[in-house]
Amino acid sequence: MHIPESQGADSATPAAAFDAPFDAPFDAIIIGGSYAGLSAATQLARARRRVLVIDGGQRRNRYASHSHGFLTRDGSGTAAIAEKGKAQLLAYPTVTWRDGTAVQATACSDGDGFDVTLADGNIVHGRRLVLATGVIDELPPVDGLAARWGRSVFHCPYCHGYELEQGAIGVLATGPLSMHHALMLPDWGRVTFFLNGAFEPDAAQLAQLDARGVMVVRTPVAQIDGVADVVMADGSRHVMAGLFVATRTRLASALAGELGCLLEEGPMGPFVHTDEQKASSVPGVFCCGDAGRMAGSVAFAVADGAMAGLAAHRSLMFGLDQAAKPPSIFSPAPVTNAASALAR
C-alpha cells in the first residue's frame, strides 16, 4: 500500500483529518496496548499525531492483582492502572483503539511505512510502527505452580517482596539465574533455595549462600500446595509465605522477527535489540516494554514507551536519517572524562 510521504520534515496531521476513516493512513501504529504501548501512544497523541493502538488484551501481569513500586500508583490494581491509562489516552481525538491481534506486519516496498494485517483480515497502514507486544513467561512444570502465578508465586522481589512481611520465602531453581534470586531475597525474608535438580551451586556459590543465610534443599519438589508451600518428593513440606521463580520468557508476538528486527538473547530469553531511543534495527520500527529490554516492570515499561513515542515523533518530523536530524537533548553526547571536564 502506497501512501505519499514527504521527505524529511513534515507537519502534524491537520485537525480536519482527525475523523478520517479506519482505513486511512495513521502516523503511527502501536501494537500492544498495555503500559508501554499506552505510554508511547500518549506521547504521539500529545503531538497531535494520528495514532492507532491494536491490543489483544493479554497484559503480562494480568495474573497479579496489584502493582507496587510505580510512583503515585503503589498498591493500585494492575488492571485499574491500564484501564485509567486507556481512558486518558482515548480522550485525545487523534487516537483510534482496535481490540484485536496483529498477525502480520510488512514494510512497504517503496519504504513508505508499514501494512499491518489484523486477525479479522483488515489491513491498516502506518508510517511508523511501535511494537509493545510483550513477552510470555514459561514456568517449570511443577504441579500447582502455574495456578499460583502472580498471587503467591512471583519473579520480581521489588514488585512483590515487601508484602511478604519478612516471612519464609522460597526460591525454586530453574537454572544458574536462580542463584541471583537466592542471593537477593534475604533482604525480604528468610530464604530457602530449592535446587530441584535444575542447578547445583559450586563451592564458592555455596559459601555466598551461607553468608546470606540461605538454606539449600536438594530433595526433588513434588508440588506446590496451600499458599506457596513446597511439598517434597519424600512427603516433607516447607511452609512458605511466597515463592520466587526465574522464568524463561519468549516474545509474545512473532512480528519483530518477521519484520527482520535484530534480536538479542538475554538471561531470561530473547528480546528486540534497540538503541537508546528504542529504535529497532529496522528503520521506522520502534520497540518498547518487555519485548525490548532484558527485564521489566510497570515503571520501566512506561519509561520505555515514553521514549519510543518521542523518538517515533521525531522521526516523523525530521525523517529516519539520524545524520539529518537537528541536535537535541536526545542526541548522543560524546563520552568525556568527568574529571577533565570539571577541570576546564
C-alpha atoms as a PDB file:
ATOM      1  CA  MET A   1       0.000   0.000   0.000  1.00  0.00           C
ATOM      2  CA  HIS A   2       1.478   3.310  -1.020  1.00  0.00           C
ATOM      3  CA  ILE A   3       0.714   6.489   0.902  1.00  0.00           C
ATOM      4  CA  PRO A   4       2.658   9.549  -0.320  1.00  0.00           C
ATOM      5  CA  GLU A   5       5.077  10.814   2.316  1.00  0.00           C
ATOM      6  CA  SER A   6       7.177  13.934   2.129  1.00  0.00           C
ATOM      7  CA  GLN A   7      10.910  13.580   2.522  1.00  0.00           C
ATOM      8  CA  GLY A   8      12.466  14.733   5.775  1.00  0.00           C
ATOM      9  CA  ALA A   9      10.451  17.166   7.906  1.00  0.00           C
ATOM     10  CA  ASP A  10       6.684  17.396   7.724  1.00  0.00           C
ATOM     11  CA  SER A  11       3.771  18.918   9.586  1.00  0.00           C
ATOM     12  CA  ALA A  12       1.420  17.279  12.076  1.00  0.00           C
ATOM     13  CA  THR A  13      -1.869  15.760  10.969  1.00  0.00           C
ATOM     14  CA  PRO A  14      -4.288  18.656  10.286  1.00  0.00           C
ATOM     15  CA  ALA A  15      -7.351  18.959  12.508  1.00  0.00           C
ATOM     16  CA  ALA A  16      -9.659  18.185   9.580  1.00  0.00           C
ATOM     17  CA  ALA A  17      -8.136  14.710   9.290  1.00  0.00           C
ATOM     18  CA  PHE A  18      -8.876  13.663  12.894  1.00  0.00           C
ATOM     19  CA  ASP A  19     -12.112  11.942  11.896  1.00  0.00           C
ATOM     20  CA  ALA A  20     -10.568  10.145   8.911  1.00  0.00           C
ATOM     21  CA  PRO A  21     -11.850   6.580   8.339  1.00  0.00           C
ATOM     22  CA  PHE A  22     -10.212   3.494   9.829  1.00  0.00           C
ATOM     23  CA  ASP A  23      -8.586   2.578   6.514  1.00  0.00           C
ATOM     24  CA  ALA A  24      -6.880   5.971   6.159  1.00  0.00           C
ATOM     25  CA  PRO A  25      -3.128   6.048   6.923  1.00  0.00           C
ATOM     26  CA  PHE A  26      -2.008   6.533  10.508  1.00  0.00           C
ATOM     27  CA  ASP A  27       1.100   8.417  11.541  1.00  0.00           C
ATOM     28  CA  ALA A  28       1.918   5.554  13.897  1.00  0.00           C
ATOM     29  CA  ILE A  29       0.507   2.151  14.729  1.00  0.00           C
ATOM     30  CA  ILE A  30       1.129   0.884  18.245  1.00  0.00           C
ATOM     31  CA  ILE A  31       0.844  -2.898  18.535  1.00  0.00           C
ATOM     32  CA  GLY A  32       0.149  -3.688  22.186  1.00  0.00           C
ATOM     33  CA  GLY A  33      -1.987  -1.555  24.484  1.00  0.00           C
ATOM     34  CA  SER A  34      -0.536  -2.323  27.899  1.00  0.00           C
ATOM     35  CA  TYR A  35       1.647   0.081  29.894  1.00  0.00           C
ATOM     36  CA  ALA A  36       4.430   0.594  27.331  1.00  0.00           C
ATOM     37  CA  GLY A  37       2.055   0.895  24.385  1.00  0.00           C
ATOM     38  CA  LEU A  38      -0.219   3.304  26.250  1.00  0.00           C
ATOM     39  CA  SER A  39       2.770   5.453  27.158  1.00  0.00           C
ATOM     40  CA  ALA A  40       4.112   5.542  23.587  1.00  0.00           C
ATOM     41  CA  ALA A  41       0.688   6.355  22.173  1.00  0.00           C
ATOM     42  CA  THR A  42       0.191   9.180  24.683  1.00  0.00           C
ATOM     43  CA  GLN A  43       3.348  10.989  23.552  1.00  0.00           C
ATOM     44  CA  LEU A  44       2.281  10.774  19.910  1.00  0.00           C
ATOM     45  CA  ALA A  45      -1.280  11.833  20.703  1.00  0.00           C
ATOM     46  CA  ARG A  46       0.010  14.865  22.568  1.00  0.00           C
ATOM     47  CA  ALA A  47       1.979  15.731  19.434  1.00  0.00           C
ATOM     48  CA  ARG A  48      -1.399  15.685  17.614  1.00  0.00           C
ATOM     49  CA  ARG A  49      -0.460  12.721  15.505  1.00  0.00           C
ATOM     50  CA  ARG A  50      -2.989  10.205  14.225  1.00  0.00           C
ATOM     51  CA  VAL A  51      -2.410   7.011  16.195  1.00  0.00           C
ATOM     52  CA  LEU A  52      -3.889   3.527  16.056  1.00  0.00           C
ATOM     53  CA  VAL A  53      -3.497   1.175  19.029  1.00  0.00           C
ATOM     54  CA  ILE A  54      -4.103  -2.529  18.408  1.00  0.00           C
ATOM     55  CA  ASP A  55      -4.465  -4.545  21.598  1.00  0.00           C
ATOM     56  CA  GLY A  56      -5.190  -8.206  22.266  1.00  0.00           C
ATOM     57  CA  GLY A  57      -5.879  -7.692  25.981  1.00  0.00           C
ATOM     58  CA  GLN A  58      -3.117 -10.005  27.261  1.00  0.00           C
ATOM     59  CA  ARG A  59      -1.088  -7.949  29.739  1.00  0.00           C
ATOM     60  CA  ARG A  60       1.893  -9.874  31.093  1.00  0.00           C
ATOM     61  CA  ASN A  61       0.964  -9.014  34.704  1.00  0.00           C
ATOM     62  CA  ARG A  62      -2.739  -9.867  34.359  1.00  0.00           C
ATOM     63  CA  TYR A  63      -2.271 -12.670  36.897  1.00  0.00           C
ATOM     64  CA  ALA A  64      -1.194 -10.210  39.620  1.00  0.00           C
ATOM     65  CA  SER A  65      -3.933  -8.271  41.373  1.00  0.00           C
ATOM     66  CA  HIS A  66      -1.823  -5.286  42.428  1.00  0.00           C
ATOM     67  CA  SER A  67       1.233  -3.379  41.249  1.00  0.00           C
ATOM     68  CA  HIS A  68       3.917  -1.989  43.526  1.00  0.00           C
ATOM     69  CA  GLY A  69       6.795   0.430  43.117  1.00  0.00           C
ATOM     70  CA  PHE A  70       5.199   2.680  40.466  1.00  0.00           C
ATOM     71  CA  LEU A  71       5.227   6.292  41.618  1.00  0.00           C
ATOM     72  CA  THR A  72       1.783   7.578  42.775  1.00  0.00           C
ATOM     73  CA  ARG A  73       0.160   4.192  41.990  1.00  0.00           C
ATOM     74  CA  ASP A  74       1.874   1.970  44.580  1.00  0.00           C
ATOM     75  CA  GLY A  75      -0.571  -0.791  45.543  1.00  0.00           C
ATOM     76  CA  SER A  76      -3.044   0.017  42.767  1.00  0.00           C
ATOM     77  CA  GLY A  77      -4.735  -2.754  40.828  1.00  0.00           C
ATOM     78  CA  THR A  78      -2.826  -3.812  37.735  1.00  0.00           C
ATOM     79  CA  ALA A  79      -5.987  -3.682  35.621  1.00  0.00           C
ATOM     80  CA  ALA A  80      -7.024  -0.332  37.091  1.00  0.00           C
ATOM     81  CA  ILE A  81      -3.733   1.291  36.040  1.00  0.00           C
ATOM     82  CA  ALA A  82      -4.147   0.047  32.469  1.00  0.00           C
ATOM     83  CA  GLU A  83      -7.828   0.992  32.315  1.00  0.00           C
ATOM     84  CA  LYS A  84      -7.210   4.524  33.533  1.00  0.00           C
ATOM     85  CA  GLY A  85      -4.317   4.919  31.110  1.00  0.00           C
ATOM     86  CA  LYS A  86      -6.546   3.781  28.248  1.00  0.00           C
ATOM     87  CA  ALA A  87      -9.345   6.164  29.248  1.00  0.00           C
ATOM     88  CA  GLN A  88      -6.950   9.090  29.425  1.00  0.00           C
ATOM     89  CA  LEU A  89      -5.411   8.171  26.067  1.00  0.00           C
ATOM     90  CA  LEU A  90      -8.777   7.921  24.328  1.00  0.00           C
ATOM     91  CA  ALA A  91      -9.627  11.453  25.449  1.00  0.00           C
ATOM     92  CA  TYR A  92      -7.271  12.600  22.665  1.00  0.00           C
ATOM     93  CA  PRO A  93      -9.279  12.906  19.435  1.00  0.00           C
ATOM     94  CA  THR A  94      -6.479  11.664  17.169  1.00  0.00           C
ATOM     95  CA  VAL A  95      -6.373   8.213  18.797  1.00  0.00           C
ATOM     96  CA  THR A  96      -8.170   5.122  17.479  1.00  0.00           C
ATOM     97  CA  TRP A  97      -8.323   1.917  19.531  1.00  0.00           C
ATOM     98  CA  ARG A  98      -8.863  -1.501  17.995  1.00  0.00           C
ATOM     99  CA  ASP A  99      -9.350  -4.636  20.109  1.00  0.00           C
ATOM    100  CA  GLY A 100      -7.735  -7.487  18.227  1.00  0.00           C
ATOM    101  CA  THR A 101      -4.476  -9.120  17.235  1.00  0.00           C
ATOM    102  CA  ALA A 102      -1.968  -8.051  14.606  1.00  0.00           C
ATOM    103  CA  VAL A 103      -0.963 -11.220  12.765  1.00  0.00           C
ATOM    104  CA  GLN A 104       1.345  -9.745  10.135  1.00  0.00           C
ATOM    105  CA  ALA A 105       3.334  -6.572   9.552  1.00  0.00           C
ATOM    106  CA  THR A 106       5.248  -5.824   6.376  1.00  0.00           C
ATOM    107  CA  ALA A 107       7.342  -2.897   5.264  1.00  0.00           C
ATOM    108  CA  CYS A 108       6.096  -1.300   2.063  1.00  0.00           C
ATOM    109  CA  SER A 109       8.424  -1.958  -0.850  1.00  0.00           C
ATOM    110  CA  ASP A 110       8.811   1.758  -1.560  1.00  0.00           C
ATOM    111  CA  GLY A 111       9.913   2.450   2.027  1.00  0.00           C
ATOM    112  CA  ASP A 112       6.686   4.270   2.756  1.00  0.00           C
ATOM    113  CA  GLY A 113       5.642   2.819   6.100  1.00  0.00           C
ATOM    114  CA  PHE A 114       4.080  -0.489   7.081  1.00  0.00           C
ATOM    115  CA  ASP A 115       0.981  -2.514   6.368  1.00  0.00           C
ATOM    116  CA  VAL A 116      -0.420  -4.363   9.384  1.00  0.00           C
ATOM    117  CA  THR A 117      -2.876  -7.230   8.973  1.00  0.00           C
ATOM    118  CA  LEU A 118      -5.305  -7.948  11.802  1.00  0.00           C
ATOM    119  CA  ALA A 119      -6.715 -11.363  12.709  1.00  0.00           C
ATOM    120  CA  ASP A 120     -10.091 -10.333  11.215  1.00  0.00           C
ATOM    121  CA  GLY A 121      -8.458  -9.706   7.844  1.00  0.00           C
ATOM    122  CA  ASN A 122      -8.444  -5.909   7.957  1.00  0.00           C
ATOM    123  CA  ILE A 123      -5.245  -4.205   6.793  1.00  0.00           C
ATOM    124  CA  VAL A 124      -4.151  -0.856   8.190  1.00  0.00           C
ATOM    125  CA  HIS A 125      -1.255   1.365   7.194  1.00  0.00           C
ATOM    126  CA  GLY A 126       1.068   3.385   9.384  1.00  0.00           C
ATOM    127  CA  ARG A 127       4.103   5.493   8.652  1.00  0.00           C
ATOM    128  CA  ARG A 128       5.784   4.308  11.862  1.00  0.00           C
ATOM    129  CA  LEU A 129       5.383   1.115  13.858  1.00  0.00           C
ATOM    130  CA  VAL A 130       5.827   0.759  17.634  1.00  0.00           C
ATOM    131  CA  LEU A 131       5.982  -2.797  18.935  1.00  0.00           C
ATOM    132  CA  ALA A 132       4.845  -3.097  22.544  1.00  0.00           C
ATOM    133  CA  THR A 133       3.920  -6.741  22.242  1.00  0.00           C
ATOM    134  CA  GLY A 134       5.443  -8.034  25.478  1.00  0.00           C
ATOM    135  CA  VAL A 135       6.684 -11.464  26.448  1.00  0.00           C
ATOM    136  CA  ILE A 136       5.237 -14.708  27.782  1.00  0.00           C
ATOM    137  CA  ASP A 137       6.565 -16.313  30.966  1.00  0.00           C
ATOM    138  CA  GLU A 138       7.299 -20.029  30.786  1.00  0.00           C
ATOM    139  CA  LEU A 139       7.127 -21.732  34.186  1.00  0.00           C
ATOM    140  CA  PRO A 140       8.774 -25.033  35.088  1.00  0.00           C
ATOM    141  CA  PRO A 141       6.347 -27.987  35.028  1.00  0.00           C
ATOM    142  CA  VAL A 142       5.748 -28.283  38.770  1.00  0.00           C
ATOM    143  CA  ASP A 143       2.238 -29.221  39.869  1.00  0.00           C
ATOM    144  CA  GLY A 144       0.441 -26.258  41.466  1.00  0.00           C
ATOM    145  CA  LEU A 145       2.957 -23.643  40.349  1.00  0.00           C
ATOM    146  CA  ALA A 146       1.067 -22.056  37.451  1.00  0.00           C
ATOM    147  CA  ALA A 147      -2.171 -21.821  39.472  1.00  0.00           C
ATOM    148  CA  ARG A 148      -0.406 -19.528  41.974  1.00  0.00           C
ATOM    149  CA  TRP A 149       1.480 -17.399  39.431  1.00  0.00           C
ATOM    150  CA  GLY A 150       1.056 -13.713  40.260  1.00  0.00           C
ATOM    151  CA  ARG A 151      -0.707 -14.463  43.565  1.00  0.00           C
ATOM    152  CA  SER A 152       1.932 -16.202  45.704  1.00  0.00           C
ATOM    153  CA  VAL A 153       4.478 -17.234  43.062  1.00  0.00           C
ATOM    154  CA  PHE A 154       6.474 -14.297  41.638  1.00  0.00           C
ATOM    155  CA  HIS A 155       9.586 -13.344  39.700  1.00  0.00           C
ATOM    156  CA  CYS A 156      10.298  -9.754  40.866  1.00  0.00           C
ATOM    157  CA  PRO A 157      11.319  -9.105  44.504  1.00  0.00           C
ATOM    158  CA  TYR A 158      10.931  -5.347  44.076  1.00  0.00           C
ATOM    159  CA  CYS A 159       7.342  -5.817  42.886  1.00  0.00           C
ATOM    160  CA  HIS A 160       6.167  -8.352  45.475  1.00  0.00           C
ATOM    161  CA  GLY A 161       8.811  -8.984  48.134  1.00  0.00           C
ATOM    162  CA  TYR A 162       7.819  -6.286  50.630  1.00  0.00           C
ATOM    163  CA  GLU A 163       4.294  -7.627  51.099  1.00  0.00           C
ATOM    164  CA  LEU A 164       5.664 -10.974  52.341  1.00  0.00           C
ATOM    165  CA  GLU A 165       6.426  -9.225  55.647  1.00  0.00           C
ATOM    166  CA  GLN A 166       9.914 -10.751  56.050  1.00  0.00           C
ATOM    167  CA  GLY A 167       8.389 -14.220  56.221  1.00  0.00           C
ATOM    168  CA  ALA A 168       9.608 -17.517  54.813  1.00  0.00           C
ATOM    169  CA  ILE A 169      10.482 -17.149  51.115  1.00  0.00           C
ATOM    170  CA  GLY A 170      11.259 -19.948  48.704  1.00  0.00           C
ATOM    171  CA  VAL A 171      13.306 -19.802  45.528  1.00  0.00           C
ATOM    172  CA  LEU A 172      12.608 -22.595  43.039  1.00  0.00           C
ATOM    173  CA  ALA A 173      15.674 -23.101  40.864  1.00  0.00           C
ATOM    174  CA  THR A 174      15.294 -23.143  37.106  1.00  0.00           C
ATOM    175  CA  GLY A 175      18.983 -22.656  36.233  1.00  0.00           C
ATOM    176  CA  PRO A 176      22.021 -20.511  37.066  1.00  0.00           C
ATOM    177  CA  LEU A 177      19.938 -17.290  37.106  1.00  0.00           C
ATOM    178  CA  SER A 178      18.155 -18.587  40.196  1.00  0.00           C
ATOM    179  CA  MET A 179      21.374 -18.067  42.130  1.00  0.00           C
ATOM    180  CA  HIS A 180      20.849 -14.334  41.710  1.00  0.00           C
ATOM    181  CA  HIS A 181      17.327 -14.654  43.114  1.00  0.00           C
ATOM    182  CA  ALA A 182      18.541 -16.653  46.099  1.00  0.00           C
ATOM    183  CA  LEU A 183      21.219 -14.113  46.969  1.00  0.00           C
ATOM    184  CA  MET A 184      18.883 -11.120  46.606  1.00  0.00           C
ATOM    185  CA  LEU A 185      15.862 -12.305  48.523  1.00  0.00           C
ATOM    186  CA  PRO A 186      17.316 -12.442  52.076  1.00  0.00           C
ATOM    187  CA  ASP A 187      16.706  -8.683  52.137  1.00  0.00           C
ATOM    188  CA  TRP A 188      12.976  -9.532  52.070  1.00  0.00           C
ATOM    189  CA  GLY A 189      12.786 -12.589  54.351  1.00  0.00           C
ATOM    190  CA  ARG A 190      14.158 -15.997  55.378  1.00  0.00           C
ATOM    191  CA  VAL A 191      15.137 -17.807  52.194  1.00  0.00           C
ATOM    192  CA  THR A 192      15.116 -21.485  51.266  1.00  0.00           C
ATOM    193  CA  PHE A 193      16.670 -22.388  47.920  1.00  0.00           C
ATOM    194  CA  PHE A 194      15.037 -25.452  46.325  1.00  0.00           C
ATOM    195  CA  LEU A 195      17.503 -26.763  43.730  1.00  0.00           C
ATOM    196  CA  ASN A 196      15.105 -29.398  42.310  1.00  0.00           C
ATOM    197  CA  GLY A 197      17.828 -30.824  40.061  1.00  0.00           C
ATOM    198  CA  ALA A 198      17.885 -27.659  37.940  1.00  0.00           C
ATOM    199  CA  PHE A 199      21.057 -26.135  39.361  1.00  0.00           C
ATOM    200  CA  GLU A 200      23.956 -27.158  41.612  1.00  0.00           C
ATOM    201  CA  PRO A 201      25.985 -24.381  43.275  1.00  0.00           C
ATOM    202  CA  ASP A 202      29.753 -24.785  43.314  1.00  0.00           C
ATOM    203  CA  ALA A 203      31.805 -24.365  46.478  1.00  0.00           C
ATOM    204  CA  ALA A 204      32.182 -20.613  46.075  1.00  0.00           C
ATOM    205  CA  GLN A 205      28.468 -20.164  45.456  1.00  0.00           C
ATOM    206  CA  LEU A 206      27.600 -22.309  48.469  1.00  0.00           C
ATOM    207  CA  ALA A 207      29.791 -20.015  50.568  1.00  0.00           C
ATOM    208  CA  GLN A 208      27.909 -16.990  49.204  1.00  0.00           C
ATOM    209  CA  LEU A 209      24.567 -18.576  50.034  1.00  0.00           C
ATOM    210  CA  ASP A 210      25.755 -19.452  53.531  1.00  0.00           C
ATOM    211  CA  ALA A 211      26.944 -15.882  54.088  1.00  0.00           C
ATOM    212  CA  ARG A 212      23.454 -14.645  53.175  1.00  0.00           C
ATOM    213  CA  GLY A 213      21.777 -17.151  55.486  1.00  0.00           C
ATOM    214  CA  VAL A 214      20.131 -19.124  52.666  1.00  0.00           C
ATOM    215  CA  MET A 215      19.133 -22.729  53.362  1.00  0.00           C
ATOM    216  CA  VAL A 216      19.742 -25.097  50.439  1.00  0.00           C
ATOM    217  CA  VAL A 217      17.390 -28.046  49.813  1.00  0.00           C
ATOM    218  CA  ARG A 218      18.261 -30.690  47.210  1.00  0.00           C
ATOM    219  CA  THR A 219      15.289 -33.037  47.607  1.00  0.00           C
ATOM    220  CA  PRO A 220      13.134 -33.013  44.454  1.00  0.00           C
ATOM    221  CA  VAL A 221       9.964 -30.902  44.549  1.00  0.00           C
ATOM    222  CA  ALA A 222       6.677 -32.783  44.080  1.00  0.00           C
ATOM    223  CA  GLN A 223       4.161 -29.934  44.079  1.00  0.00           C
ATOM    224  CA  ILE A 224       3.192 -26.502  45.380  1.00  0.00           C
ATOM    225  CA  ASP A 225       0.283 -26.536  47.811  1.00  0.00           C
ATOM    226  CA  GLY A 226      -1.547 -24.133  50.149  1.00  0.00           C
ATOM    227  CA  VAL A 227      -0.454 -20.519  49.732  1.00  0.00           C
ATOM    228  CA  ALA A 228       3.038 -21.324  48.486  1.00  0.00           C
ATOM    229  CA  ASP A 229       4.006 -24.450  50.427  1.00  0.00           C
ATOM    230  CA  VAL A 230       6.680 -26.575  48.772  1.00  0.00           C
ATOM    231  CA  VAL A 231       5.891 -30.286  49.082  1.00  0.00           C
ATOM    232  CA  MET A 232       8.889 -32.524  48.523  1.00  0.00           C
ATOM    233  CA  ALA A 233       9.083 -35.947  46.880  1.00  0.00           C
ATOM    234  CA  ASP A 234       9.750 -37.516  50.291  1.00  0.00           C
ATOM    235  CA  GLY A 235       6.496 -36.046  51.654  1.00  0.00           C
ATOM    236  CA  SER A 236       8.081 -33.291  53.729  1.00  0.00           C
ATOM    237  CA  ARG A 237       6.608 -29.798  53.494  1.00  0.00           C
ATOM    238  CA  HIS A 238       8.151 -26.337  53.652  1.00  0.00           C
ATOM    239  CA  VAL A 239       5.580 -23.667  54.534  1.00  0.00           C
ATOM    240  CA  MET A 240       6.336 -20.501  52.544  1.00  0.00           C
ATOM    241  CA  ALA A 241       4.789 -17.041  52.502  1.00  0.00           C
ATOM    242  CA  GLY A 242       5.790 -16.705  48.848  1.00  0.00           C
ATOM    243  CA  LEU A 243       7.832 -18.426  46.174  1.00  0.00           C
ATOM    244  CA  PHE A 244      10.064 -16.864  43.513  1.00  0.00           C
ATOM    245  CA  VAL A 245      10.878 -18.388  40.133  1.00  0.00           C
ATOM    246  CA  ALA A 246      13.190 -17.075  37.413  1.00  0.00           C
ATOM    247  CA  THR A 247      11.014 -17.770  34.391  1.00  0.00           C
ATOM    248  CA  ARG A 248      12.130 -18.318  30.848  1.00  0.00           C
ATOM    249  CA  THR A 249      10.495 -15.754  28.550  1.00  0.00           C
ATOM    250  CA  ARG A 250       9.652 -15.740  24.877  1.00  0.00           C
ATOM    251  CA  LEU A 251       8.357 -12.950  22.670  1.00  0.00           C
ATOM    252  CA  ALA A 252       4.557 -12.858  22.710  1.00  0.00           C
ATOM    253  CA  SER A 253       4.465 -11.944  19.022  1.00  0.00           C
ATOM    254  CA  ALA A 254       6.493 -13.082  16.015  1.00  0.00           C
ATOM    255  CA  LEU A 255       6.123  -9.694  14.286  1.00  0.00           C
ATOM    256  CA  ALA A 256       9.573  -8.350  15.225  1.00  0.00           C
ATOM    257  CA  GLY A 257      11.333 -11.360  13.754  1.00  0.00           C
ATOM    258  CA  GLU A 258       9.167 -11.354  10.637  1.00  0.00           C
ATOM    259  CA  LEU A 259       9.988  -7.680  10.078  1.00  0.00           C
ATOM    260  CA  GLY A 260      13.692  -8.515  10.309  1.00  0.00           C
ATOM    261  CA  CYS A 261      14.382  -6.811  13.646  1.00  0.00           C
ATOM    262  CA  LEU A 262      17.627  -7.869  15.286  1.00  0.00           C
ATOM    263  CA  LEU A 263      17.035  -9.934  18.422  1.00  0.00           C
ATOM    264  CA  GLU A 264      19.283 -10.313  21.457  1.00  0.00           C
ATOM    265  CA  GLU A 265      19.485 -13.241  23.841  1.00  0.00           C
ATOM    266  CA  GLY A 266      19.110 -12.099  27.441  1.00  0.00           C
ATOM    267  CA  PRO A 267      19.458 -14.134  30.644  1.00  0.00           C
ATOM    268  CA  MET A 268      15.698 -14.828  30.653  1.00  0.00           C
ATOM    269  CA  GLY A 269      15.133 -15.117  26.909  1.00  0.00           C
ATOM    270  CA  PRO A 270      15.206 -13.216  23.598  1.00  0.00           C
ATOM    271  CA  PHE A 271      14.211  -9.569  23.235  1.00  0.00           C
ATOM    272  CA  VAL A 272      14.297  -6.997  20.443  1.00  0.00           C
ATOM    273  CA  HIS A 273      17.536  -5.062  20.131  1.00  0.00           C
ATOM    274  CA  THR A 274      17.016  -1.286  20.271  1.00  0.00           C
ATOM    275  CA  ASP A 275      19.185   1.785  20.553  1.00  0.00           C
ATOM    276  CA  GLU A 276      18.909   4.279  23.411  1.00  0.00           C
ATOM    277  CA  GLN A 277      15.865   5.843  21.727  1.00  0.00           C
ATOM    278  CA  LYS A 278      14.068   2.476  21.370  1.00  0.00           C
ATOM    279  CA  ALA A 279      14.584   2.285  17.598  1.00  0.00           C
ATOM    280  CA  SER A 280      14.987  -1.266  16.321  1.00  0.00           C
ATOM    281  CA  SER A 281      17.407  -2.322  13.595  1.00  0.00           C
ATOM    282  CA  VAL A 282      14.593  -1.854  11.023  1.00  0.00           C
ATOM    283  CA  PRO A 283      14.098   1.816  10.086  1.00  0.00           C
ATOM    284  CA  GLY A 284      10.704   3.091  11.223  1.00  0.00           C
ATOM    285  CA  VAL A 285      10.136   0.293  13.747  1.00  0.00           C
ATOM    286  CA  PHE A 286      10.440   1.064  17.455  1.00  0.00           C
ATOM    287  CA  CYS A 287      10.108  -1.389  20.308  1.00  0.00           C
ATOM    288  CA  CYS A 288       9.356  -0.769  23.982  1.00  0.00           C
ATOM    289  CA  GLY A 289       8.418  -2.556  27.168  1.00  0.00           C
ATOM    290  CA  ASP A 290       9.262  -6.156  27.996  1.00  0.00           C
ATOM    291  CA  ALA A 291       9.672  -7.088  24.319  1.00  0.00           C
ATOM    292  CA  GLY A 292      12.508  -4.563  24.027  1.00  0.00           C
ATOM    293  CA  ARG A 293      14.502  -4.985  27.247  1.00  0.00           C
ATOM    294  CA  MET A 294      16.104  -7.770  29.304  1.00  0.00           C
ATOM    295  CA  ALA A 295      13.764  -7.386  32.284  1.00  0.00           C
ATOM    296  CA  GLY A 296      10.976  -5.035  33.198  1.00  0.00           C
ATOM    297  CA  SER A 297       8.320  -3.632  35.474  1.00  0.00           C
ATOM    298  CA  VAL A 298       5.391  -1.242  35.094  1.00  0.00           C
ATOM    299  CA  ALA A 299       7.688   1.723  35.749  1.00  0.00           C
ATOM    300  CA  PHE A 300      10.274   0.547  33.218  1.00  0.00           C
ATOM    301  CA  ALA A 301       7.546  -0.131  30.641  1.00  0.00           C
ATOM    302  CA  VAL A 302       6.072   3.372  30.962  1.00  0.00           C
ATOM    303  CA  ALA A 303       9.513   4.979  30.658  1.00  0.00           C
ATOM    304  CA  ASP A 304      10.352   2.806  27.646  1.00  0.00           C
ATOM    305  CA  GLY A 305       7.079   3.694  25.964  1.00  0.00           C
ATOM    306  CA  ALA A 306       7.575   7.410  26.513  1.00  0.00           C
ATOM    307  CA  MET A 307      10.970   7.271  24.810  1.00  0.00           C
ATOM    308  CA  ALA A 308       9.647   5.187  21.908  1.00  0.00           C
ATOM    309  CA  GLY A 309       6.769   7.605  21.365  1.00  0.00           C
ATOM    310  CA  LEU A 310       9.043  10.647  21.432  1.00  0.00           C
ATOM    311  CA  ALA A 311      11.534   9.018  19.075  1.00  0.00           C
ATOM    312  CA  ALA A 312       8.825   7.954  16.647  1.00  0.00           C
ATOM    313  CA  HIS A 313       7.501  11.513  16.612  1.00  0.00           C
ATOM    314  CA  ARG A 314      10.976  12.944  15.982  1.00  0.00           C
ATOM    315  CA  SER A 315      11.375  10.582  13.049  1.00  0.00           C
ATOM    316  CA  LEU A 316       8.066  11.805  11.615  1.00  0.00           C
ATOM    317  CA  MET A 317       9.240  15.402  11.880  1.00  0.00           C
ATOM    318  CA  PHE A 318      12.805  15.006  10.683  1.00  0.00           C
ATOM    319  CA  GLY A 319      12.919  11.703   8.814  1.00  0.00           C
ATOM    320  CA  LEU A 320      14.677   8.453   9.596  1.00  0.00           C
ATOM    321  CA  ASP A 321      18.183   9.580   8.649  1.00  0.00           C
ATOM    322  CA  GLN A 322      19.901  10.111  12.011  1.00  0.00           C
ATOM    323  CA  ALA A 323      22.558  12.325  10.463  1.00  0.00           C
ATOM    324  CA  ALA A 324      19.914  14.689   9.072  1.00  0.00           C
ATOM    325  CA  LYS A 325      18.212  15.273  12.415  1.00  0.00           C
ATOM    326  CA  PRO A 326      18.951  18.544  14.199  1.00  0.00           C
ATOM    327  CA  PRO A 327      20.782  18.325  17.543  1.00  0.00           C
ATOM    328  CA  SER A 328      18.520  17.811  20.550  1.00  0.00           C
ATOM    329  CA  ILE A 329      18.569  16.641  24.146  1.00  0.00           C
ATOM    330  CA  PHE A 330      18.171  13.115  22.728  1.00  0.00           C
ATOM    331  CA  SER A 331      21.255  13.321  20.528  1.00  0.00           C
ATOM    332  CA  PRO A 332      24.077  11.013  21.710  1.00  0.00           C
ATOM    333  CA  ALA A 333      26.708  13.038  23.535  1.00  0.00           C
ATOM    334  CA  PRO A 334      30.431  12.340  23.127  1.00  0.00           C
ATOM    335  CA  VAL A 335      31.961  10.399  26.002  1.00  0.00           C
ATOM    336  CA  THR A 336      34.257  12.579  28.077  1.00  0.00           C
ATOM    337  CA  ASN A 337      36.335  12.153  31.181  1.00  0.00           C
ATOM    338  CA  ALA A 338      34.311  13.642  34.041  1.00  0.00           C
ATOM    339  CA  ALA A 339      37.372  14.838  35.974  1.00  0.00           C
ATOM    340  CA  SER A 340      38.900  16.619  32.991  1.00  0.00           C
ATOM    341  CA  ALA A 341      35.552  18.188  32.115  1.00  0.00           C
ATOM    342  CA  LEU A 342      35.195  19.634  35.609  1.00  0.00           C
ATOM    343  CA  ALA A 343      38.728  20.964  35.483  1.00  0.00           C
ATOM    344  CA  ARG A 344      38.036  23.100  32.441  1.00  0.00           C
END
